[in-house]
């Protein structure tokens, strides 16, 4: 378990392998969005939850930093494939 703060303001707490985010972790982006979930090779991969600063929630599966599933929001629900 480790901690890394990037120059752009992103903040990561979690596991690393060969200097890359790997396994379970939390990434807080400089725009205040927060991702809790799995990483592989430094990217969001597998099950996770991304909460954007605007209130959108992306809960489900990610592949190479791309969300696969439905946007969950109290105001709307839409698909993002």
Protein backbone atom coordinates (compact mmCIF):
# COMPACT_ATOMS: atom_id res chain seq x y z
CA UNK A 1 0.00 0.00 0.00
CA UNK A 2 1.35 3.39 -0.93
CA UNK A 3 0.56 6.99 -1.71
CA UNK A 4 1.42 9.12 -4.75
CA UNK A 5 0.56 12.74 -5.49
CA UNK A 6 1.08 13.80 -9.10
CA UNK A 7 2.20 17.27 -10.14
CA UNK A 8 -1.23 17.87 -11.73
CA UNK A 9 -2.93 17.47 -8.31
CA UNK A 10 -4.18 13.89 -8.73
CA UNK A 11 -3.79 11.85 -5.54
CA UNK A 12 -3.59 8.02 -5.44
CA UNK A 13 -3.71 5.73 -2.41
CA UNK A 14 -3.43 2.00 -3.01
CA UNK A 15 -1.33 -0.80 -4.36
CA UNK A 16 1.54 -0.52 -6.86
CA UNK A 17 3.36 -3.03 -9.06
CA UNK A 18 6.48 -1.88 -10.93
CA UNK A 19 5.59 1.74 -10.16
CA UNK A 20 2.08 1.51 -11.65
CA UNK A 21 -1.32 1.51 -9.91
CA UNK A 22 -2.34 -2.14 -9.49
CA UNK A 23 -5.13 -3.85 -7.55
CA UNK A 24 -7.43 -1.92 -5.20
CA UNK A 25 -6.97 1.81 -4.86
CA UNK A 26 -8.51 5.27 -4.69
CA UNK A 27 -7.66 8.01 -7.18
CA UNK A 28 -8.81 11.55 -6.47
CA UNK A 29 -8.46 13.70 -9.57
CA UNK A 30 -7.61 17.42 -9.44
CA UNK A 31 -11.20 18.17 -10.64
CA UNK A 32 -12.49 16.54 -7.38
CA UNK A 33 -13.80 13.38 -9.09
CA UNK A 34 -13.02 10.22 -7.10
CA UNK A 35 -12.51 6.67 -8.34
CA UNK A 36 -12.56 3.73 -5.92
CA UNK A 37 -11.87 0.37 -7.46
CA UNK A 38 -9.47 -1.84 -9.34
CA UNK A 39 -6.46 -0.84 -11.40
CA UNK A 40 -4.27 -2.81 -13.79
CA UNK A 41 -1.15 -1.43 -15.43
CA UNK A 42 -1.82 2.06 -14.04
CA UNK A 43 -5.33 2.29 -15.55
CA UNK A 44 -8.85 1.80 -14.21
CA UNK A 45 -9.62 -1.85 -14.97
CA UNK A 46 -12.29 -4.08 -13.47
CA UNK A 47 -14.97 -3.19 -10.96
CA UNK A 48 -15.11 0.33 -9.60
CA UNK A 49 -17.08 3.46 -8.76
CA UNK A 50 -16.30 6.87 -10.25
CA UNK A 51 -18.07 9.88 -8.74
CA UNK A 52 -17.70 13.04 -10.80
CA UNK A 53 -17.81 16.51 -9.26
CA UNK A 54 -21.07 17.16 -11.19
CA UNK A 55 -22.86 14.30 -9.39
CA UNK A 56 -22.66 11.62 -12.09
CA UNK A 57 -21.85 8.15 -10.74
CA UNK A 58 -20.27 5.48 -12.92
CA UNK A 59 -20.57 2.16 -11.08
CA UNK A 60 -19.60 -1.07 -12.75
CA UNK A 61 -16.71 -2.13 -14.95
CA UNK A 62 -13.86 -0.16 -16.47
CA UNK A 63 -11.52 -1.26 -19.23
CA UNK A 64 -8.31 0.72 -19.83
CA UNK A 65 -9.73 3.84 -18.11
CA UNK A 66 -13.01 3.62 -20.10
CA UNK A 67 -16.31 3.02 -18.28
CA UNK A 68 -18.57 0.24 -19.58
CA UNK A 69 -22.15 0.55 -18.30
CA UNK A 70 -24.86 2.96 -17.16
CA UNK A 71 -24.49 6.43 -15.68
CA UNK A 72 -26.32 6.49 -12.34
CA UNK A 73 -27.62 9.94 -11.41
CA UNK A 74 -30.55 11.17 -9.34
CA UNK A 75 -31.56 13.44 -12.24
CA UNK A 76 -31.07 11.08 -15.19
CA UNK A 77 -29.97 7.64 -16.31
CA UNK A 78 -28.22 7.07 -19.60
CA UNK A 79 -25.97 4.54 -21.24
CA UNK A 80 -22.25 4.99 -21.95
CA UNK A 81 -20.67 2.24 -24.07
